[in-house]
Protein backbone atom coordinates (compact mmCIF):
# COMPACT_ATOMS: atom_id res chain seq x y z
CA MET A 1 125.54 149.28 147.71
CA THR A 2 123.58 152.61 147.00
CA ALA A 3 120.02 152.87 145.88
CA VAL A 4 121.41 153.84 142.36
CA GLU A 5 123.68 150.84 142.02
CA ASN A 6 120.93 148.37 143.59
CA ASN A 7 118.15 149.84 140.96
CA LEU A 8 121.12 148.79 138.26
CA SER A 9 121.46 145.60 139.63
CA ARG A 10 117.95 144.90 139.59
CA ARG A 11 117.85 145.93 135.97
CA THR A 12 120.66 144.05 135.01
CA VAL A 13 119.53 140.92 136.64
CA GLN A 14 115.90 141.51 134.98
CA TRP A 15 117.81 141.92 131.62
CA TRP A 16 119.38 138.45 131.60
CA GLU A 17 116.19 137.15 132.60
CA ARG A 18 114.53 138.15 129.66
CA LEU A 19 117.48 137.12 127.52
CA GLY A 20 117.22 133.36 128.77
CA ALA A 21 113.81 133.37 128.68
CA ALA A 22 113.85 134.45 124.71
CA LEU A 23 116.58 132.08 123.84
CA SER A 24 115.01 129.24 125.51
CA GLY A 25 111.33 129.86 123.90
CA PRO A 26 109.96 132.39 121.19
CA TRP A 27 113.52 133.38 120.32
CA ALA A 28 115.47 129.92 120.56
CA PRO A 29 118.42 129.72 117.95
CA ARG A 30 118.43 127.01 115.47
CA ALA A 31 121.64 125.93 113.63
CA ARG A 32 121.47 126.13 110.13
CA PRO A 33 123.41 124.47 107.34
CA GLY A 34 127.31 125.82 107.54
CA GLY A 35 129.84 125.81 110.49
CA GLY A 36 132.97 124.75 111.44
CA HIS A 37 136.75 125.85 111.48
CA VAL A 38 138.20 126.99 108.34
CA HIS A 39 142.01 128.20 107.57
CA CYS A 40 141.47 130.49 104.91
CA GLU A 41 143.47 130.06 101.76
CA PRO A 42 145.99 132.67 100.86
CA ASP A 43 143.97 134.17 98.11
CA TRP A 44 140.62 134.23 100.33
CA SER A 45 138.21 137.21 100.43
CA TRP A 46 134.46 137.29 101.22
CA HIS A 47 131.78 139.29 99.84
CA LEU A 48 128.02 138.32 101.03
CA VAL A 49 124.80 139.88 101.83
CA LEU A 50 123.63 137.60 104.87
CA SER A 51 120.15 135.84 104.41
CA ASP A 52 120.34 134.50 108.30
CA HIS A 53 122.40 134.89 111.51
CA ASP A 54 126.38 134.07 111.58
CA LEU A 55 128.39 133.96 113.96
CA TRP A 56 132.04 134.83 112.61
CA CYS A 57 135.07 134.50 115.02
CA VAL A 58 138.58 135.03 114.26
CA LEU A 59 140.87 132.54 116.20
CA ASP A 60 144.40 133.24 114.17
CA GLY A 61 145.58 135.59 111.79
CA ILE A 62 145.04 139.05 110.64
CA GLY A 63 142.76 140.97 107.95
CA ARG A 64 140.19 143.68 107.46
CA ALA A 65 136.52 143.82 106.98
CA ARG A 66 133.80 146.20 105.88
CA LEU A 67 130.54 145.58 107.45
CA ASN A 68 127.76 148.18 106.34
CA GLY A 69 130.30 150.73 105.67
CA ARG A 70 132.12 150.30 108.86
CA ASP A 71 135.82 149.43 108.79
CA ILE A 72 136.96 146.51 111.09
CA ALA A 73 140.13 145.57 111.71
CA LEU A 74 140.36 141.65 112.12
CA THR A 75 142.47 139.96 114.79
CA ALA A 76 142.11 136.97 117.28
CA GLY A 77 139.22 137.29 119.89
CA CYS A 78 137.23 139.39 117.22
CA ALA A 79 133.76 138.23 116.51
CA LEU A 80 131.23 139.53 114.41
CA MET A 81 127.71 138.76 115.09
CA LEU A 82 126.14 139.12 112.05
CA ARG A 83 122.36 139.65 110.88
CA PRO A 84 119.74 138.92 108.16
CA GLY A 85 120.65 141.74 105.56
CA ASP A 86 124.12 142.62 106.57
CA LYS A 87 126.62 143.27 103.82
CA ILE A 88 130.12 142.17 104.44
CA ASP A 89 133.61 142.25 102.38
CA ALA A 90 136.58 140.45 104.18
CA TYR A 91 139.94 140.00 102.98
CA HIS A 92 143.37 138.79 105.15
CA ASP A 93 146.79 139.06 105.02
CA PRO A 94 148.01 136.31 103.08
CA ARG A 95 151.47 136.13 104.82
CA ASN A 96 149.51 135.94 107.94
CA PRO A 97 146.00 133.96 107.07
CA LEU A 98 142.86 134.19 109.03
CA THR A 99 141.62 130.84 110.79
CA VAL A 100 137.90 131.18 111.37
CA ALA A 101 135.23 129.40 113.44
CA TYR A 102 131.65 130.14 112.23
CA GLN A 103 128.10 128.90 112.58
CA HIS A 104 125.13 129.99 110.81
CA TYR A 105 121.64 130.25 112.73
CA ALA A 106 118.17 131.50 112.53
CA HIS A 107 115.64 132.25 115.56
CA ASP A 108 112.45 130.47 115.35
CA ASP A 109 109.22 131.13 116.68
CA ALA A 110 108.64 127.52 118.16
CA SER A 111 104.54 128.34 118.26
CA GLN A 112 104.58 129.14 114.46
CA GLY A 113 107.34 127.35 113.25
CA THR A 114 108.73 130.13 111.40
CA VAL A 115 111.66 132.30 111.09
CA VAL A 116 111.85 135.25 113.09
CA ASN A 117 114.19 138.11 111.90
CA ASP A 118 112.65 140.77 113.88
CA CYS A 119 114.14 140.32 117.73
CA PRO A 120 113.79 142.46 120.44
CA PRO A 121 116.95 145.04 119.55
CA ASP A 122 118.12 145.45 123.30
CA LEU A 123 118.68 141.73 123.21
CA LEU A 124 120.66 141.70 120.11
CA LEU A 125 124.32 141.14 120.22
CA PRO A 126 126.55 144.02 118.89
CA ARG A 127 127.95 143.49 115.75
CA LEU A 128 131.57 143.50 117.00
CA VAL A 129 132.72 141.80 120.20
CA HIS A 130 136.23 141.84 121.53
CA LEU A 131 136.14 138.31 123.54
CA ASP A 132 138.33 138.35 126.63
CA ASP A 133 138.40 134.51 126.95
CA LEU A 134 138.53 133.08 123.54
CA PRO A 135 139.79 129.43 124.73
CA GLU A 136 136.07 129.28 126.59
CA LEU A 137 134.54 130.32 123.34
CA ARG A 138 136.47 127.76 121.26
CA ARG A 139 135.61 125.54 123.93
CA HIS A 140 131.60 126.24 122.92
CA LEU A 141 132.77 125.98 119.36
CA ASP A 142 134.39 122.95 119.50
CA GLY A 143 131.09 121.18 121.58
CA LEU A 144 128.85 122.03 118.26
CA ALA A 145 131.57 120.99 115.96
CA ARG A 146 131.29 117.37 117.72
CA LEU A 147 127.24 117.47 117.45
CA ARG A 148 127.48 118.26 113.80
CA ARG A 149 129.54 115.16 113.39
CA ARG A 150 127.01 112.96 115.40
CA PRO A 151 123.71 113.03 114.00
CA GLY A 152 120.84 111.34 115.67
CA PRO A 153 117.31 111.60 117.20
CA ASP A 154 118.50 113.99 119.87
CA ALA A 155 120.96 116.01 117.67
CA SER A 156 118.60 118.86 117.26
CA ALA A 157 117.88 119.54 120.66
CA ARG A 158 121.35 119.11 121.89
CA THR A 159 122.31 121.68 119.35
CA THR A 160 120.01 124.24 120.10
CA ALA A 161 121.29 123.83 123.53
CA ALA A 162 124.76 123.94 122.78
CA LEU A 163 124.06 127.19 120.30
CA VAL A 164 122.05 128.81 123.54
CA ALA A 165 125.09 128.39 125.89
CA LEU A 166 127.49 129.67 123.02
CA LEU A 167 125.63 132.60 122.69
CA LEU A 168 125.05 133.66 126.38
CA GLU A 169 128.82 133.14 126.77
CA ILE A 170 129.48 135.72 123.97
CA HIS A 171 126.53 137.83 125.68
CA ALA A 172 128.99 137.50 129.11
CA GLN A 173 131.76 138.76 127.31
CA ALA A 174 130.34 141.51 125.38
CA ALA A 175 128.93 142.66 128.94
CA ARG A 176 131.95 142.39 130.58
CA ALA A 177 133.75 144.42 127.92
CA ALA A 178 131.04 147.01 128.10
CA GLY A 179 131.66 146.93 132.18
CA ASP A 180 127.92 145.46 132.68
CA LEU A 181 129.36 142.44 134.11
CA PRO A 182 132.69 142.34 136.64
CA ALA A 183 135.85 141.38 134.67
CA LEU A 184 137.25 137.91 134.82
CA MET A 185 138.91 136.81 137.77
CA ASP A 186 142.79 136.96 137.44
CA ARG A 187 143.95 133.46 136.30
CA ARG A 188 146.50 133.38 138.81
CA VAL A 189 143.49 133.58 141.19
CA HIS A 190 141.16 131.57 139.52
CA ASP A 191 143.29 128.40 139.50
CA VAL A 192 143.89 128.39 143.32
CA VAL A 193 140.26 129.17 143.73
CA GLU A 194 139.21 126.09 141.68
CA TRP A 195 141.63 124.05 143.30
CA LEU A 196 140.38 124.61 146.93
CA ALA A 197 136.68 124.05 145.51
CA ARG A 198 137.92 120.70 144.43
CA HIS A 199 139.77 120.08 147.45
CA PRO A 200 137.75 121.41 150.67
CA THR A 201 139.04 118.87 152.99
CA ARG A 202 142.50 119.49 152.31
CA ARG A 203 144.81 122.80 153.73
CA LEU A 204 146.70 124.80 150.99
CA ASP A 205 149.63 126.83 152.43
CA LEU A 206 149.70 130.32 151.43
CA HIS A 207 153.13 130.21 150.17
CA ALA A 208 152.60 127.34 147.90
CA ALA A 209 149.35 129.04 146.36
CA ALA A 210 151.71 132.16 146.10
CA ALA A 211 154.43 130.02 144.45
CA SER A 212 152.06 128.24 141.92
CA ALA A 213 150.95 131.91 141.14
CA GLU A 214 154.78 132.90 140.72
CA LEU A 215 154.24 136.00 143.15
CA SER A 216 155.56 136.39 146.63
CA ALA A 217 153.02 135.95 149.42
CA ASP A 218 152.61 139.27 150.18
CA GLN A 219 151.75 139.99 146.29
CA PHE A 220 149.27 137.22 146.25
CA SER A 221 147.55 138.06 149.32
CA ARG A 222 146.85 141.47 147.90
CA LEU A 223 145.87 139.97 144.64
CA PHE A 224 143.78 137.50 146.33
CA ARG A 225 141.68 139.94 148.31
CA ARG A 226 141.45 142.33 145.20
CA GLU A 227 139.97 139.59 143.00
CA THR A 228 137.76 137.64 145.54
CA GLY A 229 137.17 140.52 148.68
CA GLN A 230 138.42 137.79 151.31
CA SER A 231 141.81 137.11 152.82
CA PHE A 232 143.11 133.94 151.65
CA ARG A 233 142.45 132.38 155.06
CA ALA A 234 138.88 133.32 154.97
CA TYR A 235 138.26 132.06 151.76
CA GLN A 236 139.67 128.78 152.62
CA VAL A 237 137.32 128.70 155.86
CA THR A 238 134.22 129.64 153.74
CA VAL A 239 134.72 126.78 151.04
CA ARG A 240 135.51 124.35 154.24
CA ILE A 241 131.91 125.77 155.94
CA ASP A 242 130.12 125.42 152.71
CA ARG A 243 131.35 121.74 152.39
CA ALA A 244 130.33 121.29 155.68
CA ARG A 245 126.89 122.58 155.49
CA GLU A 246 126.18 120.00 152.38
CA LEU A 247 127.65 117.09 154.27
CA LEU A 248 125.58 118.01 157.17
CA ALA A 249 122.50 118.57 155.17
CA GLU A 250 122.93 115.44 152.80
CA SER A 251 125.05 112.70 154.80
CA GLY A 252 124.77 110.51 157.51
CA MET A 253 128.01 111.83 158.77
CA THR A 254 127.75 113.29 162.70
CA VAL A 255 129.23 116.76 163.32
CA SER A 256 132.42 115.33 164.88
CA GLN A 257 132.93 112.97 161.68
CA VAL A 258 132.35 116.40 159.35
CA ALA A 259 134.89 118.48 161.50
CA LYS A 260 137.53 115.48 161.03
CA VAL A 261 137.14 114.98 157.81
CA LEU A 262 137.60 118.56 156.64
CA GLY A 263 140.65 118.82 158.73
CA TYR A 264 139.63 120.32 161.99
CA ALA A 265 141.73 118.76 165.07
CA ASP A 266 139.71 121.21 167.28
CA HIS A 267 136.18 120.55 167.18
CA ARG A 268 135.57 123.68 168.70
CA LEU A 269 137.03 125.60 166.52
CA PHE A 270 134.91 123.99 163.72
CA VAL A 271 131.82 124.75 165.67
CA ARG A 272 132.82 128.47 166.44
CA GLN A 273 133.38 128.98 162.67
CA PHE A 274 130.45 127.09 161.53
CA LYS A 275 128.21 129.55 163.61
CA ALA A 276 129.90 132.47 162.48
CA HIS A 277 129.32 131.70 159.02
CA THR A 278 125.65 130.51 159.31
CA GLY A 279 124.23 132.04 162.40
CA THR A 280 124.07 128.50 164.05
CA ALA A 281 125.26 125.77 165.37
CA PRO A 282 126.11 122.53 163.10
CA GLY A 283 124.31 120.29 165.24
CA ILE A 284 121.21 122.54 165.07
CA TRP A 285 121.61 123.02 161.03
CA LYS A 286 121.93 119.10 160.75
CA ARG A 287 118.65 118.69 162.45
CA SER A 288 116.94 121.49 160.51
CA ALA A 289 118.23 120.07 157.39
């Protein structure tokens, strides 16, 4: 990594730290009345000047909007992050009506108990975000909807936490679109990586992994290395050694037992791989944990 890249990386980390601190402190979002999923009627249109913040996400359908004088095409995966004072006029194609998820919210000054509209400009989401993972956003929105249907003494705290997670997810998707965060891992590789993480004691054959991705072994190997930076075999070893470190540190298992449970028929191979990854022998690691 060059000095310029390292500096950019530090700035990116610092920005995310500022955002996290703001959303959990002086700029904490509070859900306001108005939120849910709507299948818009054929003759639907929307004309409004916003009095609060509104997340407005198109899940399906086709339409158009004019936001503060800017024309926007509305399609699935288009999220409008509306702010107080914004003026919007929106319409849709009655033959392909919009399905929309939305949530009104405000940013509270916890110390003063007042609504804050002058949020730090560089921490505001752009008014238009093209989502690259709509299913993940829907998962967050569905969680908010469930909380709205279950009022109780914990509702406010849980709703705020869910809203923070939702806004952070949109920030992440906006950052990926801008090139400020790495792109999502290819789904075919992601599914295999998730399986390996859940089953560190099992072996997955390259050909079986490739078949699950509907690729040849060579194609999958190249794709896997491109997405993870490691060969398929090296990645599996890394997963097993990571699990070995946890077992040695947190369980009463011996080194031999850990090697066996992780599928090593050759104890010496386990020791060599562990030392190559950690710089120390597993027995020393266990005693120092």
